[in-house]
């Protein structure tokens, strides 16, 4: 594992947002959703394309808080301008499990 300096980590804007909309992305090669994430006063509403369909039906995503990387350049992903990266980890079967929080925090809160 490569070690990094604190300044390197500090450059990454990891912030909390709440999913306010989730719809299937019909243009995606692999099943994916188009998420709208509310980042509060920090960033407002942002869009993300996320391959998280295995564990998360759309109705379970609305109102869920997620951890987003907010300072990547936006990318076109399957026809969607993806403005933030919603974070997670792969489970033993390679399916994405979202990073989350035990208690609600304000939208836009930066990860410490």
PDB file of N, CA and C in Angstrom:
ATOM      1  N   UNK A   1       0.846  -1.166   0.000  1.00  0.00           N
ATOM      2  CA  UNK A   1       0.000   0.000   0.000  1.00  0.00           C
ATOM      3  C   UNK A   1       0.898   1.237   0.000  1.00  0.00           C
ATOM      4  N   UNK A   2       0.582   2.184  -0.891  1.00  0.00           N
ATOM      5  CA  UNK A   2       1.345   3.428  -0.954  1.00  0.00           C
ATOM      6  C   UNK A   2       0.841   4.392   0.115  1.00  0.00           C
ATOM      7  N   UNK A   3       1.758   4.982   0.841  1.00  0.00           N
ATOM      8  CA  UNK A   3       1.402   5.965   1.859  1.00  0.00           C
ATOM      9  C   UNK A   3       1.241   7.325   1.196  1.00  0.00           C
ATOM     10  N   UNK A   4       0.314   8.142   1.719  1.00  0.00           N
ATOM     11  CA  UNK A   4       0.112   9.492   1.224  1.00  0.00           C
ATOM     12  C   UNK A   4       0.285  10.479   2.371  1.00  0.00           C
ATOM     13  N   UNK A   5       0.481  11.711   2.014  1.00  0.00           N
ATOM     14  CA  UNK A   5       0.579  12.768   3.005  1.00  0.00           C
ATOM     15  C   UNK A   5      -0.820  13.238   3.370  1.00  0.00           C
ATOM     16  N   UNK A   6      -0.977  13.838   4.555  1.00  0.00           N
ATOM     17  CA  UNK A   6      -2.272  14.364   4.977  1.00  0.00           C
ATOM     18  C   UNK A   6      -2.799  15.372   3.964  1.00  0.00           C
ATOM     19  N   UNK A   7      -1.916  16.186   3.403  1.00  0.00           N
ATOM     20  CA  UNK A   7      -2.323  17.182   2.410  1.00  0.00           C
ATOM     21  C   UNK A   7      -2.971  16.534   1.191  1.00  0.00           C
ATOM     22  N   UNK A   8      -2.509  15.332   0.817  1.00  0.00           N
ATOM     23  CA  UNK A   8      -3.122  14.615  -0.304  1.00  0.00           C
ATOM     24  C   UNK A   8      -4.566  14.249   0.020  1.00  0.00           C
ATOM     25  N   UNK A   9      -4.780  13.697   1.194  1.00  0.00           N
ATOM     26  CA  UNK A   9      -6.131  13.316   1.610  1.00  0.00           C
ATOM     27  C   UNK A   9      -7.031  14.544   1.732  1.00  0.00           C
ATOM     28  N   UNK A  10      -6.462  15.615   2.231  1.00  0.00           N
ATOM     29  CA  UNK A  10      -7.235  16.840   2.451  1.00  0.00           C
ATOM     30  C   UNK A  10      -7.752  17.444   1.146  1.00  0.00           C
ATOM     31  N   UNK A  11      -7.152  17.091   0.021  1.00  0.00           N
ATOM     32  CA  UNK A  11      -7.603  17.597  -1.283  1.00  0.00           C
ATOM     33  C   UNK A  11      -8.919  16.963  -1.720  1.00  0.00           C
ATOM     34  N   UNK A  12      -9.258  15.799  -1.180  1.00  0.00           N
ATOM     35  CA  UNK A  12     -10.470  15.091  -1.589  1.00  0.00           C
ATOM     36  C   UNK A  12     -11.662  15.632  -0.800  1.00  0.00           C
ATOM     37  N   UNK A  13     -12.648  16.162  -1.506  1.00  0.00           N
ATOM     38  CA  UNK A  13     -13.870  16.684  -0.882  1.00  0.00           C
ATOM     39  C   UNK A  13     -14.867  15.540  -0.735  1.00  0.00           C
ATOM     40  N   UNK A  14     -14.860  14.898   0.409  1.00  0.00           N
ATOM     41  CA  UNK A  14     -15.822  13.844   0.729  1.00  0.00           C
ATOM     42  C   UNK A  14     -16.926  14.473   1.566  1.00  0.00           C
ATOM     43  N   UNK A  15     -18.132  14.504   1.022  1.00  0.00           N
ATOM     44  CA  UNK A  15     -19.243  15.173   1.703  1.00  0.00           C
ATOM     45  C   UNK A  15     -20.477  14.296   1.708  1.00  0.00           C
ATOM     46  N   UNK A  16     -21.328  14.555   2.701  1.00  0.00           N
ATOM     47  CA  UNK A  16     -22.569  13.811   2.881  1.00  0.00           C
ATOM     48  C   UNK A  16     -23.681  14.469   2.081  1.00  0.00           C
ATOM     49  N   UNK A  17     -24.467  13.647   1.416  1.00  0.00           N
ATOM     50  CA  UNK A  17     -25.646  14.125   0.709  1.00  0.00           C
ATOM     51  C   UNK A  17     -26.790  13.159   0.900  1.00  0.00           C
ATOM     52  N   UNK A  18     -27.988  13.623   0.604  1.00  0.00           N
ATOM     53  CA  UNK A  18     -29.179  12.781   0.700  1.00  0.00           C
ATOM     54  C   UNK A  18     -29.732  12.532  -0.694  1.00  0.00           C
ATOM     55  N   UNK A  19     -29.997  11.275  -1.009  1.00  0.00           N
ATOM     56  CA  UNK A  19     -30.582  10.921  -2.301  1.00  0.00           C
ATOM     57  C   UNK A  19     -32.034  11.399  -2.324  1.00  0.00           C
ATOM     58  N   UNK A  20     -32.370  12.232  -3.307  1.00  0.00           N
ATOM     59  CA  UNK A  20     -33.733  12.741  -3.426  1.00  0.00           C
ATOM     60  C   UNK A  20     -34.460  12.146  -4.623  1.00  0.00           C
ATOM     61  N   UNK A  21     -33.716  11.523  -5.537  1.00  0.00           N
ATOM     62  CA  UNK A  21     -34.340  10.859  -6.681  1.00  0.00           C
ATOM     63  C   UNK A  21     -33.411   9.755  -7.168  1.00  0.00           C
ATOM     64  N   UNK A  22     -34.003   8.671  -7.630  1.00  0.00           N
ATOM     65  CA  UNK A  22     -33.251   7.540  -8.166  1.00  0.00           C
ATOM     66  C   UNK A  22     -34.090   6.895  -9.259  1.00  0.00           C
ATOM     67  N   UNK A  23     -33.538   6.873 -10.477  1.00  0.00           N
ATOM     68  CA  UNK A  23     -34.243   6.266 -11.609  1.00  0.00           C
ATOM     69  C   UNK A  23     -33.272   5.385 -12.381  1.00  0.00           C
ATOM     70  N   UNK A  24     -33.773   4.313 -12.981  1.00  0.00           N
ATOM     71  CA  UNK A  24     -32.889   3.475 -13.788  1.00  0.00           C
ATOM     72  C   UNK A  24     -32.307   4.255 -14.963  1.00  0.00           C
ATOM     73  N   UNK A  25     -31.055   3.961 -15.284  1.00  0.00           N
ATOM     74  CA  UNK A  25     -30.410   4.574 -16.444  1.00  0.00           C
ATOM     75  C   UNK A  25     -30.519   3.594 -17.608  1.00  0.00           C
ATOM     76  N   UNK A  26     -31.455   3.855 -18.504  1.00  0.00           N
ATOM     77  CA  UNK A  26     -31.723   2.959 -19.627  1.00  0.00           C
ATOM     78  C   UNK A  26     -30.558   2.881 -20.611  1.00  0.00           C
ATOM     79  N   UNK A  27     -29.674   3.868 -20.619  1.00  0.00           N
ATOM     80  CA  UNK A  27     -28.556   3.887 -21.559  1.00  0.00           C
ATOM     81  C   UNK A  27     -27.321   3.139 -21.047  1.00  0.00           C
ATOM     82  N   UNK A  28     -27.323   2.746 -19.796  1.00  0.00           N
ATOM     83  CA  UNK A  28     -26.144   2.098 -19.206  1.00  0.00           C
ATOM     84  C   UNK A  28     -25.973   0.675 -19.736  1.00  0.00           C
ATOM     85  N   UNK A  29     -24.720   0.281 -20.004  1.00  0.00           N
ATOM     86  CA  UNK A  29     -24.429  -1.094 -20.437  1.00  0.00           C
ATOM     87  C   UNK A  29     -24.670  -2.083 -19.306  1.00  0.00           C
ATOM     88  N   UNK A  30     -24.254  -1.701 -18.098  1.00  0.00           N
ATOM     89  CA  UNK A  30     -24.510  -2.501 -16.901  1.00  0.00           C
ATOM     90  C   UNK A  30     -25.614  -1.797 -16.136  1.00  0.00           C
ATOM     91  N   UNK A  31     -26.488  -2.538 -15.431  1.00  0.00           N
ATOM     92  CA  UNK A  31     -27.582  -1.882 -14.697  1.00  0.00           C
ATOM     93  C   UNK A  31     -27.062  -0.788 -13.766  1.00  0.00           C
ATOM     94  N   UNK A  32     -27.692   0.382 -13.856  1.00  0.00           N
ATOM     95  CA  UNK A  32     -27.264   1.532 -13.064  1.00  0.00           C
ATOM     96  C   UNK A  32     -28.449   2.455 -12.831  1.00  0.00           C
ATOM     97  N   UNK A  33     -28.286   3.335 -11.866  1.00  0.00           N
ATOM     98  CA  UNK A  33     -29.276   4.367 -11.580  1.00  0.00           C
ATOM     99  C   UNK A  33     -28.680   5.736 -11.854  1.00  0.00           C
ATOM    100  N   UNK A  34     -29.576   6.677 -12.139  1.00  0.00           N
ATOM    101  CA  UNK A  34     -29.228   8.088 -12.131  1.00  0.00           C
ATOM    102  C   UNK A  34     -29.745   8.615 -10.806  1.00  0.00           C
ATOM    103  N   UNK A  35     -28.840   9.079  -9.954  1.00  0.00           N
ATOM    104  CA  UNK A  35     -29.201   9.587  -8.637  1.00  0.00           C
ATOM    105  C   UNK A  35     -29.134  11.112  -8.641  1.00  0.00           C
ATOM    106  N   UNK A  36     -30.067  11.728  -7.935  1.00  0.00           N
ATOM    107  CA  UNK A  36     -29.974  13.149  -7.629  1.00  0.00           C
ATOM    108  C   UNK A  36     -29.697  13.231  -6.141  1.00  0.00           C
ATOM    109  N   UNK A  37     -28.593  13.899  -5.795  1.00  0.00           N
ATOM    110  CA  UNK A  37     -28.127  13.951  -4.410  1.00  0.00           C
ATOM    111  C   UNK A  37     -28.132  15.398  -3.943  1.00  0.00           C
ATOM    112  N   UNK A  38     -28.759  15.653  -2.794  1.00  0.00           N
ATOM    113  CA  UNK A  38     -28.800  16.991  -2.193  1.00  0.00           C
ATOM    114  C   UNK A  38     -27.599  17.149  -1.277  1.00  0.00           C
ATOM    115  N   UNK A  39     -26.685  18.051  -1.666  1.00  0.00           N
ATOM    116  CA  UNK A  39     -25.488  18.320  -0.870  1.00  0.00           C
ATOM    117  C   UNK A  39     -25.626  19.596  -0.056  1.00  0.00           C
ATOM    118  N   UNK A  40     -26.852  20.057   0.115  1.00  0.00           N
ATOM    119  CA  UNK A  40     -27.112  21.209   0.970  1.00  0.00           C
ATOM    120  C   UNK A  40     -26.446  22.473   0.467  1.00  0.00           C
ATOM    121  N   UNK A  41     -26.098  23.342   1.408  1.00  0.00           N
ATOM    122  CA  UNK A  41     -25.498  24.633   1.070  1.00  0.00           C
ATOM    123  C   UNK A  41     -24.150  24.481   0.381  1.00  0.00           C
ATOM    124  N   UNK A  42     -23.473  23.367   0.603  1.00  0.00           N
ATOM    125  CA  UNK A  42     -22.149  23.175   0.001  1.00  0.00           C
ATOM    126  C   UNK A  42     -22.244  23.079  -1.515  1.00  0.00           C
ATOM    127  N   UNK A  43     -23.187  22.287  -2.017  1.00  0.00           N
ATOM    128  CA  UNK A  43     -23.177  22.029  -3.459  1.00  0.00           C
ATOM    129  C   UNK A  43     -24.525  21.951  -4.126  1.00  0.00           C
ATOM    130  N   UNK A  44     -25.606  22.074  -3.365  1.00  0.00           N
ATOM    131  CA  UNK A  44     -26.930  21.966  -3.977  1.00  0.00           C
ATOM    132  C   UNK A  44     -27.199  20.567  -4.502  1.00  0.00           C
ATOM    133  N   UNK A  45     -27.989  20.478  -5.547  1.00  0.00           N
ATOM    134  CA  UNK A  45     -28.348  19.192  -6.144  1.00  0.00           C
ATOM    135  C   UNK A  45     -27.296  18.780  -7.165  1.00  0.00           C
ATOM    136  N   UNK A  46     -26.836  17.545  -7.062  1.00  0.00           N
ATOM    137  CA  UNK A  46     -25.861  17.002  -8.000  1.00  0.00           C
ATOM    138  C   UNK A  46     -26.357  15.660  -8.513  1.00  0.00           C
ATOM    139  N   UNK A  47     -25.897  15.304  -9.711  1.00  0.00           N
ATOM    140  CA  UNK A  47     -26.284  14.055 -10.351  1.00  0.00           C
ATOM    141  C   UNK A  47     -25.126  13.061 -10.295  1.00  0.00           C
ATOM    142  N   UNK A  48     -25.477  11.787 -10.154  1.00  0.00           N
ATOM    143  CA  UNK A  48     -24.467  10.734 -10.166  1.00  0.00           C
ATOM    144  C   UNK A  48     -25.028   9.505 -10.877  1.00  0.00           C
ATOM    145  N   UNK A  49     -24.193   8.833 -11.639  1.00  0.00           N
ATOM    146  CA  UNK A  49     -24.553   7.548 -12.215  1.00  0.00           C
ATOM    147  C   UNK A  49     -23.928   6.486 -11.320  1.00  0.00           C
ATOM    148  N   UNK A  50     -24.732   5.538 -10.863  1.00  0.00           N
ATOM    149  CA  UNK A  50     -24.227   4.566  -9.878  1.00  0.00           C
ATOM    150  C   UNK A  50     -24.689   3.151 -10.200  1.00  0.00           C
ATOM    151  N   UNK A  51     -23.746   2.222 -10.238  1.00  0.00           N
ATOM    152  CA  UNK A  51     -24.059   0.817 -10.463  1.00  0.00           C
ATOM    153  C   UNK A  51     -24.305   0.147  -9.111  1.00  0.00           C
ATOM    154  N   UNK A  52     -25.476   0.420  -8.544  1.00  0.00           N
ATOM    155  CA  UNK A  52     -25.799  -0.067  -7.199  1.00  0.00           C
ATOM    156  C   UNK A  52     -27.142  -0.799  -7.185  1.00  0.00           C
ATOM    157  N   UNK A  53     -27.523  -1.347  -8.332  1.00  0.00           N
ATOM    158  CA  UNK A  53     -28.861  -1.950  -8.459  1.00  0.00           C
ATOM    159  C   UNK A  53     -29.013  -3.281  -7.726  1.00  0.00           C
ATOM    160  N   UNK A  54     -27.926  -3.967  -7.466  1.00  0.00           N
ATOM    161  CA  UNK A  54     -28.010  -5.308  -6.859  1.00  0.00           C
ATOM    162  C   UNK A  54     -28.605  -5.295  -5.454  1.00  0.00           C
ATOM    163  N   UNK A  55     -28.188  -4.353  -4.620  1.00  0.00           N
ATOM    164  CA  UNK A  55     -28.649  -4.312  -3.231  1.00  0.00           C
ATOM    165  C   UNK A  55     -29.721  -3.256  -2.965  1.00  0.00           C
ATOM    166  N   UNK A  56     -29.949  -2.344  -3.924  1.00  0.00           N
ATOM    167  CA  UNK A  56     -30.769  -1.168  -3.632  1.00  0.00           C
ATOM    168  C   UNK A  56     -31.860  -0.917  -4.670  1.00  0.00           C
ATOM    169  N   UNK A  57     -33.086  -1.358  -4.404  1.00  0.00           N
ATOM    170  CA  UNK A  57     -34.199  -0.922  -5.256  1.00  0.00           C
ATOM    171  C   UNK A  57     -34.345   0.601  -5.109  1.00  0.00           C
ATOM    172  N   UNK A  58     -34.835   1.262  -6.139  1.00  0.00           N
ATOM    173  CA  UNK A  58     -34.901   2.727  -6.122  1.00  0.00           C
ATOM    174  C   UNK A  58     -35.622   3.264  -4.898  1.00  0.00           C
ATOM    175  N   UNK A  59     -36.699   2.617  -4.485  1.00  0.00           N
ATOM    176  CA  UNK A  59     -37.480   3.140  -3.355  1.00  0.00           C
ATOM    177  C   UNK A  59     -36.706   3.112  -2.034  1.00  0.00           C
ATOM    178  N   UNK A  60     -35.661   2.288  -1.931  1.00  0.00           N
ATOM    179  CA  UNK A  60     -34.869   2.248  -0.699  1.00  0.00           C
ATOM    180  C   UNK A  60     -33.787   3.330  -0.682  1.00  0.00           C
ATOM    181  N   UNK A  61     -33.563   3.969  -1.816  1.00  0.00           N
ATOM    182  CA  UNK A  61     -32.507   4.984  -1.903  1.00  0.00           C
ATOM    183  C   UNK A  61     -32.995   6.378  -1.526  1.00  0.00           C
ATOM    184  N   UNK A  62     -34.262   6.652  -1.774  1.00  0.00           N
ATOM    185  CA  UNK A  62     -34.798   7.991  -1.503  1.00  0.00           C
ATOM    186  C   UNK A  62     -34.705   8.262   0.005  1.00  0.00           C
ATOM    187  N   UNK A  63     -34.078   9.372   0.358  1.00  0.00           N
ATOM    188  CA  UNK A  63     -33.903   9.743   1.762  1.00  0.00           C
ATOM    189  C   UNK A  63     -32.652   9.173   2.408  1.00  0.00           C
ATOM    190  N   UNK A  64     -31.935   8.319   1.701  1.00  0.00           N
ATOM    191  CA  UNK A  64     -30.717   7.706   2.250  1.00  0.00           C
ATOM    192  C   UNK A  64     -29.554   8.684   2.143  1.00  0.00           C
ATOM    193  N   UNK A  65     -28.770   8.796   3.202  1.00  0.00           N
ATOM    194  CA  UNK A  65     -27.567   9.623   3.154  1.00  0.00           C
ATOM    195  C   UNK A  65     -26.412   8.796   2.604  1.00  0.00           C
ATOM    196  N   UNK A  66     -25.637   9.433   1.732  1.00  0.00           N
ATOM    197  CA  UNK A  66     -24.507   8.776   1.080  1.00  0.00           C
ATOM    198  C   UNK A  66     -23.280   9.685   1.195  1.00  0.00           C
ATOM    199  N   UNK A  67     -22.116   9.082   1.031  1.00  0.00           N
ATOM    200  CA  UNK A  67     -20.856   9.816   1.061  1.00  0.00           C
ATOM    201  C   UNK A  67     -20.377   9.981  -0.374  1.00  0.00           C
ATOM    202  N   UNK A  68     -20.126  11.241  -0.779  1.00  0.00           N
ATOM    203  CA  UNK A  68     -19.783  11.544  -2.168  1.00  0.00           C
ATOM    204  C   UNK A  68     -18.424  12.216  -2.284  1.00  0.00           C
ATOM    205  N   UNK A  69     -17.694  11.846  -3.331  1.00  0.00           N
ATOM    206  CA  UNK A  69     -16.512  12.614  -3.720  1.00  0.00           C
ATOM    207  C   UNK A  69     -17.042  13.739  -4.597  1.00  0.00           C
ATOM    208  N   UNK A  70     -16.806  14.977  -4.173  1.00  0.00           N
ATOM    209  CA  UNK A  70     -17.428  16.133  -4.832  1.00  0.00           C
ATOM    210  C   UNK A  70     -16.499  16.932  -5.725  1.00  0.00           C
ATOM    211  N   UNK A  71     -15.204  16.641  -5.717  1.00  0.00           N
ATOM    212  CA  UNK A  71     -14.313  17.480  -6.504  1.00  0.00           C
ATOM    213  C   UNK A  71     -13.599  16.745  -7.640  1.00  0.00           C
ATOM    214  N   UNK A  72     -14.222  15.697  -8.172  1.00  0.00           N
ATOM    215  CA  UNK A  72     -13.785  15.151  -9.456  1.00  0.00           C
ATOM    216  C   UNK A  72     -14.398  16.010 -10.550  1.00  0.00           C
ATOM    217  N   UNK A  73     -13.733  16.095 -11.686  1.00  0.00           N
ATOM    218  CA  UNK A  73     -14.344  16.747 -12.843  1.00  0.00           C
ATOM    219  C   UNK A  73     -15.579  15.925 -13.241  1.00  0.00           C
ATOM    220  N   UNK A  74     -16.683  16.580 -13.612  1.00  0.00           N
ATOM    221  CA  UNK A  74     -17.855  15.832 -14.085  1.00  0.00           C
ATOM    222  C   UNK A  74     -17.491  14.961 -15.285  1.00  0.00           C
ATOM    223  N   UNK A  75     -18.149  13.794 -15.376  1.00  0.00           N
ATOM    224  CA  UNK A  75     -17.913  12.854 -16.473  1.00  0.00           C
ATOM    225  C   UNK A  75     -19.238  12.451 -17.085  1.00  0.00           C
ATOM    226  N   UNK A  76     -19.228  12.171 -18.355  1.00  0.00           N
ATOM    227  CA  UNK A  76     -20.396  11.602 -19.027  1.00  0.00           C
ATOM    228  C   UNK A  76     -20.339  10.096 -18.824  1.00  0.00           C
ATOM    229  N   UNK A  77     -21.369   9.547 -18.212  1.00  0.00           N
ATOM    230  CA  UNK A  77     -21.450   8.109 -17.975  1.00  0.00           C
ATOM    231  C   UNK A  77     -22.800   7.652 -18.512  1.00  0.00           C
ATOM    232  N   UNK A  78     -22.772   6.884 -19.584  1.00  0.00           N
ATOM    233  CA  UNK A  78     -24.003   6.348 -20.184  1.00  0.00           C
ATOM    234  C   UNK A  78     -25.041   7.449 -20.396  1.00  0.00           C
ATOM    235  N   UNK A  79     -24.592   8.563 -20.972  1.00  0.00           N
ATOM    236  CA  UNK A  79     -25.504   9.651 -21.292  1.00  0.00           C
ATOM    237  C   UNK A  79     -25.840  10.584 -20.152  1.00  0.00           C
ATOM    238  N   UNK A  80     -25.257  10.368 -18.981  1.00  0.00           N
ATOM    239  CA  UNK A  80     -25.560  11.180 -17.800  1.00  0.00           C
ATOM    240  C   UNK A  80     -24.326  11.990 -17.414  1.00  0.00           C
ATOM    241  N   UNK A  81     -24.518  13.267 -17.101  1.00  0.00           N
ATOM    242  CA  UNK A  81     -23.423  14.073 -16.558  1.00  0.00           C
ATOM    243  C   UNK A  81     -23.313  13.730 -15.078  1.00  0.00           C
ATOM    244  N   UNK A  82     -22.323  12.927 -14.743  1.00  0.00           N
ATOM    245  CA  UNK A  82     -22.116  12.495 -13.370  1.00  0.00           C
ATOM    246  C   UNK A  82     -21.220  13.522 -12.685  1.00  0.00           C
ATOM    247  N   UNK A  83     -21.790  14.239 -11.704  1.00  0.00           N
ATOM    248  CA  UNK A  83     -21.098  15.352 -11.061  1.00  0.00           C
ATOM    249  C   UNK A  83     -20.424  14.971  -9.751  1.00  0.00           C
ATOM    250  N   UNK A  84     -20.876  13.905  -9.117  1.00  0.00           N
ATOM    251  CA  UNK A  84     -20.266  13.415  -7.884  1.00  0.00           C
ATOM    252  C   UNK A  84     -20.139  11.899  -7.972  1.00  0.00           C
ATOM    253  N   UNK A  85     -19.205  11.363  -7.205  1.00  0.00           N
ATOM    254  CA  UNK A  85     -19.033   9.912  -7.118  1.00  0.00           C
ATOM    255  C   UNK A  85     -19.578   9.459  -5.777  1.00  0.00           C
ATOM    256  N   UNK A  86     -20.607   8.620  -5.822  1.00  0.00           N
ATOM    257  CA  UNK A  86     -21.171   8.048  -4.604  1.00  0.00           C
ATOM    258  C   UNK A  86     -20.282   6.871  -4.208  1.00  0.00           C
ATOM    259  N   UNK A  87     -19.848   6.832  -2.943  1.00  0.00           N
ATOM    260  CA  UNK A  87     -18.861   5.840  -2.518  1.00  0.00           C
ATOM    261  C   UNK A  87     -19.494   4.589  -1.914  1.00  0.00           C
ATOM    262  N   UNK A  88     -18.724   3.517  -1.982  1.00  0.00           N
ATOM    263  CA  UNK A  88     -19.138   2.242  -1.410  1.00  0.00           C
ATOM    264  C   UNK A  88     -17.985   1.269  -1.486  1.00  0.00           C
ATOM    265  N   UNK A  89     -18.274   0.026  -1.191  1.00  0.00           N
ATOM    266  CA  UNK A  89     -17.275  -1.041  -1.253  1.00  0.00           C
ATOM    267  C   UNK A  89     -17.941  -2.285  -1.818  1.00  0.00           C
ATOM    268  N   UNK A  90     -17.134  -3.145  -2.431  1.00  0.00           N
ATOM    269  CA  UNK A  90     -17.674  -4.394  -2.964  1.00  0.00           C
ATOM    270  C   UNK A  90     -17.810  -5.427  -1.856  1.00  0.00           C
ATOM    271  N   UNK A  91     -18.927  -6.137  -1.872  1.00  0.00           N
ATOM    272  CA  UNK A  91     -19.099  -7.245  -0.929  1.00  0.00           C
ATOM    273  C   UNK A  91     -18.393  -8.483  -1.474  1.00  0.00           C
ATOM    274  N   UNK A  92     -18.556  -9.617  -0.822  1.00  0.00           N
ATOM    275  CA  UNK A  92     -17.864 -10.845  -1.223  1.00  0.00           C
ATOM    276  C   UNK A  92     -18.262 -11.326  -2.611  1.00  0.00           C
ATOM    277  N   UNK A  93     -19.416 -10.856  -3.125  1.00  0.00           N
ATOM    278  CA  UNK A  93     -19.875 -11.237  -4.455  1.00  0.00           C
ATOM    279  C   UNK A  93     -19.592 -10.162  -5.506  1.00  0.00           C
ATOM    280  N   UNK A  94     -18.884  -9.106  -5.118  1.00  0.00           N
ATOM    281  CA  UNK A  94     -18.548  -8.049  -6.049  1.00  0.00           C
ATOM    282  C   UNK A  94     -19.643  -7.024  -6.259  1.00  0.00           C
ATOM    283  N   UNK A  95     -20.675  -7.057  -5.425  1.00  0.00           N
ATOM    284  CA  UNK A  95     -21.779  -6.098  -5.516  1.00  0.00           C
ATOM    285  C   UNK A  95     -21.489  -4.918  -4.594  1.00  0.00           C
ATOM    286  N   UNK A  96     -21.881  -3.720  -5.038  1.00  0.00           N
ATOM    287  CA  UNK A  96     -21.565  -2.506  -4.284  1.00  0.00           C
ATOM    288  C   UNK A  96     -22.472  -2.349  -3.067  1.00  0.00           C
ATOM    289  N   UNK A  97     -21.851  -2.073  -1.921  1.00  0.00           N
ATOM    290  CA  UNK A  97     -22.544  -1.713  -0.687  1.00  0.00           C
ATOM    291  C   UNK A  97     -22.173  -0.256  -0.419  1.00  0.00           C
ATOM    292  N   UNK A  98     -23.173   0.599  -0.297  1.00  0.00           N
ATOM    293  CA  UNK A  98     -22.930   2.022  -0.115  1.00  0.00           C
ATOM    294  C   UNK A  98     -22.303   2.341   1.236  1.00  0.00           C
ATOM    295  N   UNK A  99     -21.411   3.333   1.242  1.00  0.00           N
ATOM    296  CA  UNK A  99     -20.903   3.886   2.497  1.00  0.00           C
ATOM    297  C   UNK A  99     -22.050   4.682   3.113  1.00  0.00           C
ATOM    298  N   UNK A 100     -22.192   4.624   4.418  1.00  0.00           N
ATOM    299  CA  UNK A 100     -23.309   5.315   5.054  1.00  0.00           C
ATOM    300  C   UNK A 100     -22.987   5.735   6.473  1.00  0.00           C
ATOM    301  N   UNK A 101     -24.020   6.186   7.161  1.00  0.00           N
ATOM    302  CA  UNK A 101     -23.869   6.741   8.505  1.00  0.00           C
ATOM    303  C   UNK A 101     -24.896   6.145   9.443  1.00  0.00           C
ATOM    304  N   UNK A 102     -24.522   5.988  10.711  1.00  0.00           N
ATOM    305  CA  UNK A 102     -25.431   5.454  11.727  1.00  0.00           C
ATOM    306  C   UNK A 102     -26.475   6.469  12.164  1.00  0.00           C
ATOM    307  N   UNK A 103     -26.128   7.758  12.083  1.00  0.00           N
ATOM    308  CA  UNK A 103     -27.023   8.832  12.515  1.00  0.00           C
ATOM    309  C   UNK A 103     -27.031   9.912  11.443  1.00  0.00           C
ATOM    310  N   UNK A 104     -28.149  10.598  11.265  1.00  0.00           N
ATOM    311  CA  UNK A 104     -28.212  11.654  10.255  1.00  0.00           C
ATOM    312  C   UNK A 104     -27.238  12.790  10.564  1.00  0.00           C
ATOM    313  N   UNK A 105     -26.677  13.346   9.502  1.00  0.00           N
ATOM    314  CA  UNK A 105     -25.834  14.530   9.606  1.00  0.00           C
ATOM    315  C   UNK A 105     -26.304  15.524   8.550  1.00  0.00           C
ATOM    316  N   UNK A 106     -26.006  16.820   8.720  1.00  0.00           N
ATOM    317  CA  UNK A 106     -26.465  17.800   7.738  1.00  0.00           C
ATOM    318  C   UNK A 106     -25.870  17.549   6.355  1.00  0.00           C
ATOM    319  N   UNK A 107     -26.688  17.731   5.321  1.00  0.00           N
ATOM    320  CA  UNK A 107     -26.194  17.612   3.942  1.00  0.00           C
ATOM    321  C   UNK A 107     -25.062  18.609   3.731  1.00  0.00           C
ATOM    322  N   UNK A 108     -24.019  18.149   3.035  1.00  0.00           N
ATOM    323  CA  UNK A 108     -22.854  18.979   2.779  1.00  0.00           C
ATOM    324  C   UNK A 108     -21.754  18.836   3.799  1.00  0.00           C
ATOM    325  N   UNK A 109     -22.019  18.114   4.905  1.00  0.00           N
ATOM    326  CA  UNK A 109     -20.989  17.918   5.933  1.00  0.00           C
ATOM    327  C   UNK A 109     -19.792  17.209   5.328  1.00  0.00           C
ATOM    328  N   UNK A 110     -18.614  17.718   5.619  1.00  0.00           N
ATOM    329  CA  UNK A 110     -17.385  17.121   5.097  1.00  0.00           C
ATOM    330  C   UNK A 110     -16.912  16.005   6.011  1.00  0.00           C
ATOM    331  N   UNK A 111     -16.450  14.907   5.404  1.00  0.00           N
ATOM    332  CA  UNK A 111     -15.876  13.801   6.153  1.00  0.00           C
ATOM    333  C   UNK A 111     -14.601  14.279   6.827  1.00  0.00           C
ATOM    334  N   UNK A 112     -14.448  13.950   8.102  1.00  0.00           N
ATOM    335  CA  UNK A 112     -13.259  14.375   8.863  1.00  0.00           C
ATOM    336  C   UNK A 112     -12.115  13.415   8.655  1.00  0.00           C
TER     337      UNK A 112
END
